[in-house]
Amino acid sequence: LAGGCSFAAMFAYITGGPDLFIAQQGLSPRAYALIFAANAAGILGANYLNSYLVRRVGPAILVTLASALGWIAALGLVAACRPAVVDLPGVIAALFVVVAVTGLLGANCVGLLMQRFDGNAGAAAALFGAGQFGFGMVTSAAVSFFHDGSARPMAATIAVASTLSLAGSLLLRRGTASRGGRP
């Protein structure tokens, strides 16, 4: 839930981003491509940061921190997508964080899942991947279905997905605590 819904938030951005930045805000396709590339660089940077942090704080803590950071950024995105005026720098910054945390969540969530189901690690990893794309399909459809010519449907969908990601990380923490620290 934590990793899949974070991925789904990114899919909501991929679905709604071109309309928001090009059609609504008047950016050129080239400018949008630069924003998109910066977000991809954010994922790469988060993956690099993860390789450093995971040995120091552990994957479960990183999942909680990353999903909480994504949730906070999603709330900032909703605030930046006001009905009358879109705070473009705020939107860009919030989306950067929402997308970048997928670099922290993906590897740690699948690692924890495979650790818990070590006898069926391949099936667990496949289910995780299918879940990511399944959740992404739902959020893409939601952004499209609720499209009203504003950024609000994308922002709201990202906020819902990020809330579910945070809930999933908190469920992981609760489950890990009830099993004596084992994922």
C-alpha atoms as a PDB file:
ATOM      1  CA  LEU A   1       0.000   0.000   0.000  1.00  0.00           C
ATOM      2  CA  ALA A   2       2.778   2.449   0.895  1.00  0.00           C
ATOM      3  CA  GLY A   3       4.864   1.849  -2.220  1.00  0.00           C
ATOM      4  CA  GLY A   4       1.978   1.224  -4.594  1.00  0.00           C
ATOM      5  CA  CYS A   5       0.090   4.378  -3.658  1.00  0.00           C
ATOM      6  CA  SER A   6       3.213   6.519  -3.874  1.00  0.00           C
ATOM      7  CA  PHE A   7       3.714   5.168  -7.385  1.00  0.00           C
ATOM      8  CA  ALA A   8       0.037   5.905  -8.066  1.00  0.00           C
ATOM      9  CA  ALA A   9       0.529   9.533  -6.984  1.00  0.00           C
ATOM     10  CA  MET A  10       3.320   9.758  -9.542  1.00  0.00           C
ATOM     11  CA  PHE A  11       0.984   8.331 -12.209  1.00  0.00           C
ATOM     12  CA  ALA A  12      -1.596  10.991 -11.354  1.00  0.00           C
ATOM     13  CA  TYR A  13       1.101  13.603 -12.000  1.00  0.00           C
ATOM     14  CA  ILE A  14       2.095  11.927 -15.277  1.00  0.00           C
ATOM     15  CA  THR A  15      -1.556  11.981 -16.352  1.00  0.00           C
ATOM     16  CA  GLY A  16      -2.428  15.535 -15.297  1.00  0.00           C
ATOM     17  CA  GLY A  17       0.938  17.272 -15.578  1.00  0.00           C
ATOM     18  CA  PRO A  18       0.952  18.044 -19.302  1.00  0.00           C
ATOM     19  CA  ASP A  19      -2.504  19.630 -19.134  1.00  0.00           C
ATOM     20  CA  LEU A  20      -1.602  21.625 -16.025  1.00  0.00           C
ATOM     21  CA  PHE A  21       1.733  22.939 -17.226  1.00  0.00           C
ATOM     22  CA  ILE A  22       1.163  23.279 -20.981  1.00  0.00           C
ATOM     23  CA  ALA A  23      -2.579  23.884 -21.477  1.00  0.00           C
ATOM     24  CA  GLN A  24      -3.446  25.681 -18.231  1.00  0.00           C
ATOM     25  CA  GLN A  25      -0.217  27.491 -17.358  1.00  0.00           C
ATOM     26  CA  GLY A  26       1.027  28.109 -20.906  1.00  0.00           C
ATOM     27  CA  LEU A  27       4.472  26.566 -20.512  1.00  0.00           C
ATOM     28  CA  SER A  28       6.121  25.303 -23.665  1.00  0.00           C
ATOM     29  CA  PRO A  29       6.467  21.551 -24.172  1.00  0.00           C
ATOM     30  CA  ARG A  30      10.223  22.050 -23.753  1.00  0.00           C
ATOM     31  CA  ALA A  31       9.736  23.756 -20.369  1.00  0.00           C
ATOM     32  CA  TYR A  32       7.434  20.941 -19.269  1.00  0.00           C
ATOM     33  CA  ALA A  33      10.039  18.410 -20.400  1.00  0.00           C
ATOM     34  CA  LEU A  34      12.596  20.136 -18.164  1.00  0.00           C
ATOM     35  CA  ILE A  35      10.223  19.926 -15.182  1.00  0.00           C
ATOM     36  CA  PHE A  36       9.586  16.269 -15.958  1.00  0.00           C
ATOM     37  CA  ALA A  37      13.336  15.625 -16.240  1.00  0.00           C
ATOM     38  CA  ALA A  38      13.939  17.355 -12.903  1.00  0.00           C
ATOM     39  CA  ASN A  39      11.395  15.046 -11.295  1.00  0.00           C
ATOM     40  CA  ALA A  40      13.134  12.027 -12.816  1.00  0.00           C
ATOM     41  CA  ALA A  41      16.399  13.358 -11.389  1.00  0.00           C
ATOM     42  CA  GLY A  42      14.636  13.598  -8.017  1.00  0.00           C
ATOM     43  CA  ILE A  43      13.871   9.874  -8.160  1.00  0.00           C
ATOM     44  CA  LEU A  44      17.502   9.124  -9.017  1.00  0.00           C
ATOM     45  CA  GLY A  45      18.690  11.359  -6.182  1.00  0.00           C
ATOM     46  CA  ALA A  46      16.311   9.687  -3.725  1.00  0.00           C
ATOM     47  CA  ASN A  47      17.572   6.265  -4.846  1.00  0.00           C
ATOM     48  CA  TYR A  48      21.132   7.398  -4.226  1.00  0.00           C
ATOM     49  CA  LEU A  49      20.182   8.855  -0.845  1.00  0.00           C
ATOM     50  CA  ASN A  50      18.427   5.594  -0.024  1.00  0.00           C
ATOM     51  CA  SER A  51      21.619   3.598  -0.614  1.00  0.00           C
ATOM     52  CA  TYR A  52      23.268   5.742   2.057  1.00  0.00           C
ATOM     53  CA  LEU A  53      20.395   5.934   4.562  1.00  0.00           C
ATOM     54  CA  VAL A  54      19.034   2.391   4.479  1.00  0.00           C
ATOM     55  CA  ARG A  55      22.095   0.992   6.291  1.00  0.00           C
ATOM     56  CA  ARG A  56      21.869   3.697   8.948  1.00  0.00           C
ATOM     57  CA  VAL A  57      18.160   3.904   9.768  1.00  0.00           C
ATOM     58  CA  GLY A  58      16.627   0.802   8.171  1.00  0.00           C
ATOM     59  CA  PRO A  59      14.044   0.335   5.454  1.00  0.00           C
ATOM     60  CA  ALA A  60      10.928   0.440   7.654  1.00  0.00           C
ATOM     61  CA  ILE A  61      11.815   3.855   9.068  1.00  0.00           C
ATOM     62  CA  LEU A  62      12.622   5.141   5.586  1.00  0.00           C
ATOM     63  CA  VAL A  63       9.236   3.941   4.333  1.00  0.00           C
ATOM     64  CA  THR A  64       7.490   5.866   7.098  1.00  0.00           C
ATOM     65  CA  LEU A  65       9.566   9.011   6.622  1.00  0.00           C
ATOM     66  CA  ALA A  66       9.235   8.980   2.824  1.00  0.00           C
ATOM     67  CA  SER A  67       5.484   8.419   2.839  1.00  0.00           C
ATOM     68  CA  ALA A  68       5.042  11.166   5.463  1.00  0.00           C
ATOM     69  CA  LEU A  69       7.143  13.533   3.365  1.00  0.00           C
ATOM     70  CA  GLY A  70       5.102  12.667   0.266  1.00  0.00           C
ATOM     71  CA  TRP A  71       1.874  13.271   2.186  1.00  0.00           C
ATOM     72  CA  ILE A  72       3.054  16.678   3.421  1.00  0.00           C
ATOM     73  CA  ALA A  73       4.080  17.618  -0.124  1.00  0.00           C
ATOM     74  CA  ALA A  74       0.679  16.461  -1.422  1.00  0.00           C
ATOM     75  CA  LEU A  75      -1.046  18.762   1.066  1.00  0.00           C
ATOM     76  CA  GLY A  76       1.192  21.570  -0.168  1.00  0.00           C
ATOM     77  CA  LEU A  77       0.183  20.718  -3.728  1.00  0.00           C
ATOM     78  CA  VAL A  78      -3.501  20.989  -2.856  1.00  0.00           C
ATOM     79  CA  ALA A  79      -2.836  24.391  -1.262  1.00  0.00           C
ATOM     80  CA  ALA A  80      -0.852  25.534  -4.320  1.00  0.00           C
ATOM     81  CA  CYS A  81      -3.696  24.564  -6.688  1.00  0.00           C
ATOM     82  CA  ARG A  82      -6.178  27.189  -5.544  1.00  0.00           C
ATOM     83  CA  PRO A  83      -9.232  27.608  -7.768  1.00  0.00           C
ATOM     84  CA  ALA A  84      -8.472  31.157  -8.892  1.00  0.00           C
ATOM     85  CA  VAL A  85      -4.676  31.168  -9.019  1.00  0.00           C
ATOM     86  CA  VAL A  86      -2.164  28.345  -9.239  1.00  0.00           C
ATOM     87  CA  ASP A  87       1.065  28.927  -7.316  1.00  0.00           C
ATOM     88  CA  LEU A  88       3.315  27.499 -10.039  1.00  0.00           C
ATOM     89  CA  PRO A  89       6.577  27.437  -8.013  1.00  0.00           C
ATOM     90  CA  GLY A  90       4.675  25.772  -5.153  1.00  0.00           C
ATOM     91  CA  VAL A  91       3.200  23.195  -7.526  1.00  0.00           C
ATOM     92  CA  ILE A  92       6.596  22.417  -9.041  1.00  0.00           C
ATOM     93  CA  ALA A  93       8.232  22.034  -5.612  1.00  0.00           C
ATOM     94  CA  ALA A  94       5.431  19.876  -4.210  1.00  0.00           C
ATOM     95  CA  LEU A  95       5.381  17.617  -7.257  1.00  0.00           C
ATOM     96  CA  PHE A  96       9.159  17.245  -7.070  1.00  0.00           C
ATOM     97  CA  VAL A  97       8.877  15.855  -3.549  1.00  0.00           C
ATOM     98  CA  VAL A  98       5.828  13.676  -4.313  1.00  0.00           C
ATOM     99  CA  VAL A  99       7.635  12.101  -7.256  1.00  0.00           C
ATOM    100  CA  ALA A 100      11.076  11.865  -5.615  1.00  0.00           C
ATOM    101  CA  VAL A 101       9.848   9.863  -2.622  1.00  0.00           C
ATOM    102  CA  THR A 102       9.014   7.000  -4.973  1.00  0.00           C
ATOM    103  CA  GLY A 103      12.785   6.502  -5.132  1.00  0.00           C
ATOM    104  CA  LEU A 104      12.839   5.882  -1.393  1.00  0.00           C
ATOM    105  CA  LEU A 105       9.638   3.891  -1.172  1.00  0.00           C
ATOM    106  CA  GLY A 106       9.953   1.499  -4.093  1.00  0.00           C
ATOM    107  CA  ALA A 107      13.175  -0.256  -3.139  1.00  0.00           C
ATOM    108  CA  ASN A 108      12.427  -0.335   0.580  1.00  0.00           C
ATOM    109  CA  CYS A 109       8.853  -1.570   0.205  1.00  0.00           C
ATOM    110  CA  VAL A 110       9.763  -4.376  -2.165  1.00  0.00           C
ATOM    111  CA  GLY A 111      12.762  -5.293   0.008  1.00  0.00           C
ATOM    112  CA  LEU A 112      10.597  -5.516   3.133  1.00  0.00           C
ATOM    113  CA  LEU A 113       7.965  -7.483   1.247  1.00  0.00           C
ATOM    114  CA  MET A 114      10.506  -9.965  -0.090  1.00  0.00           C
ATOM    115  CA  GLN A 115      12.032 -10.325   3.371  1.00  0.00           C
ATOM    116  CA  ARG A 116       8.653 -11.151   4.863  1.00  0.00           C
ATOM    117  CA  PHE A 117       7.812 -13.661   2.123  1.00  0.00           C
ATOM    118  CA  ASP A 118      11.297 -15.023   1.509  1.00  0.00           C
ATOM    119  CA  GLY A 119       9.934 -18.412   0.404  1.00  0.00           C
ATOM    120  CA  ASN A 120       7.923 -16.703  -2.348  1.00  0.00           C
ATOM    121  CA  ALA A 121      10.071 -13.637  -2.954  1.00  0.00           C
ATOM    122  CA  GLY A 122       9.557 -13.694  -6.723  1.00  0.00           C
ATOM    123  CA  ALA A 123       5.788 -13.847  -6.391  1.00  0.00           C
ATOM    124  CA  ALA A 124       5.847 -11.110  -3.748  1.00  0.00           C
ATOM    125  CA  ALA A 125       7.926  -8.826  -5.981  1.00  0.00           C
ATOM    126  CA  ALA A 126       5.636  -9.523  -8.945  1.00  0.00           C
ATOM    127  CA  LEU A 127       2.561  -8.733  -6.857  1.00  0.00           C
ATOM    128  CA  PHE A 128       4.181  -5.489  -5.718  1.00  0.00           C
ATOM    129  CA  GLY A 129       4.879  -4.463  -9.317  1.00  0.00           C
ATOM    130  CA  ALA A 130       1.355  -5.361 -10.410  1.00  0.00           C
ATOM    131  CA  GLY A 131      -0.036  -3.414  -7.455  1.00  0.00           C
ATOM    132  CA  GLN A 132       1.978  -0.336  -8.408  1.00  0.00           C
ATOM    133  CA  PHE A 133       0.623  -0.322 -11.935  1.00  0.00           C
ATOM    134  CA  GLY A 134      -2.888  -1.236 -10.785  1.00  0.00           C
ATOM    135  CA  PHE A 135      -2.981   1.699  -8.367  1.00  0.00           C
ATOM    136  CA  GLY A 136      -1.444   3.881 -11.085  1.00  0.00           C
ATOM    137  CA  MET A 137      -4.214   2.864 -13.475  1.00  0.00           C
ATOM    138  CA  VAL A 138      -6.842   3.885 -10.922  1.00  0.00           C
ATOM    139  CA  THR A 139      -5.309   7.296 -10.280  1.00  0.00           C
ATOM    140  CA  SER A 140      -4.805   7.990 -13.985  1.00  0.00           C
ATOM    141  CA  ALA A 141      -8.462   7.169 -14.567  1.00  0.00           C
ATOM    142  CA  ALA A 142      -9.510   9.364 -11.625  1.00  0.00           C
ATOM    143  CA  VAL A 143      -7.546  12.388 -12.895  1.00  0.00           C
ATOM    144  CA  SER A 144      -9.104  11.939 -16.327  1.00  0.00           C
ATOM    145  CA  PHE A 145     -12.627  11.266 -15.050  1.00  0.00           C
ATOM    146  CA  PHE A 146     -12.711  14.290 -12.737  1.00  0.00           C
ATOM    147  CA  HIS A 147     -10.886  16.618 -15.157  1.00  0.00           C
ATOM    148  CA  ASP A 148     -12.511  20.061 -15.004  1.00  0.00           C
ATOM    149  CA  GLY A 149      -9.903  22.242 -16.671  1.00  0.00           C
ATOM    150  CA  SER A 150      -8.126  22.967 -13.396  1.00  0.00           C
ATOM    151  CA  ALA A 151      -5.289  21.406 -11.419  1.00  0.00           C
ATOM    152  CA  ARG A 152      -7.610  20.384  -8.577  1.00  0.00           C
ATOM    153  CA  PRO A 153      -8.472  16.842  -9.770  1.00  0.00           C
ATOM    154  CA  MET A 154      -4.790  15.973 -10.144  1.00  0.00           C
ATOM    155  CA  ALA A 155      -3.913  17.530  -6.774  1.00  0.00           C
ATOM    156  CA  ALA A 156      -6.810  15.821  -4.995  1.00  0.00           C
ATOM    157  CA  THR A 157      -5.965  12.449  -6.518  1.00  0.00           C
ATOM    158  CA  ILE A 158      -2.332  12.826  -5.482  1.00  0.00           C
ATOM    159  CA  ALA A 159      -3.450  13.791  -1.965  1.00  0.00           C
ATOM    160  CA  VAL A 160      -5.671  10.707  -1.680  1.00  0.00           C
ATOM    161  CA  ALA A 161      -2.936   8.411  -3.000  1.00  0.00           C
ATOM    162  CA  SER A 162      -0.363   9.980  -0.670  1.00  0.00           C
ATOM    163  CA  THR A 163      -2.723   9.607   2.294  1.00  0.00           C
ATOM    164  CA  LEU A 164      -3.133   5.910   1.474  1.00  0.00           C
ATOM    165  CA  SER A 165       0.644   5.589   1.141  1.00  0.00           C
ATOM    166  CA  LEU A 166       1.094   7.091   4.593  1.00  0.00           C
ATOM    167  CA  ALA A 167      -1.615   4.797   5.998  1.00  0.00           C
ATOM    168  CA  GLY A 168       0.190   1.813   4.480  1.00  0.00           C
ATOM    169  CA  SER A 169       3.469   2.838   6.096  1.00  0.00           C
ATOM    170  CA  LEU A 170       1.777   3.247   9.467  1.00  0.00           C
ATOM    171  CA  LEU A 171       0.201  -0.199   9.105  1.00  0.00           C
ATOM    172  CA  LEU A 172       3.681  -1.569   8.354  1.00  0.00           C
ATOM    173  CA  ARG A 173       5.040   0.051  11.514  1.00  0.00           C
ATOM    174  CA  ARG A 174       2.160  -1.343  13.566  1.00  0.00           C
ATOM    175  CA  GLY A 175       2.578  -4.819  12.108  1.00  0.00           C
ATOM    176  CA  THR A 176       6.334  -4.742  12.581  1.00  0.00           C
ATOM    177  CA  ALA A 177       5.924  -3.744  16.232  1.00  0.00           C
ATOM    178  CA  SER A 178       3.424  -6.555  16.852  1.00  0.00           C
ATOM    179  CA  ARG A 179       5.918  -9.097  15.423  1.00  0.00           C
ATOM    180  CA  GLY A 180       8.733  -7.990  17.711  1.00  0.00           C
ATOM    181  CA  GLY A 181      10.495  -5.776  15.159  1.00  0.00           C
ATOM    182  CA  ARG A 182      10.382  -8.206  12.214  1.00  0.00           C
ATOM    183  CA  PRO A 183       8.820  -6.854   8.981  1.00  0.00           C
END
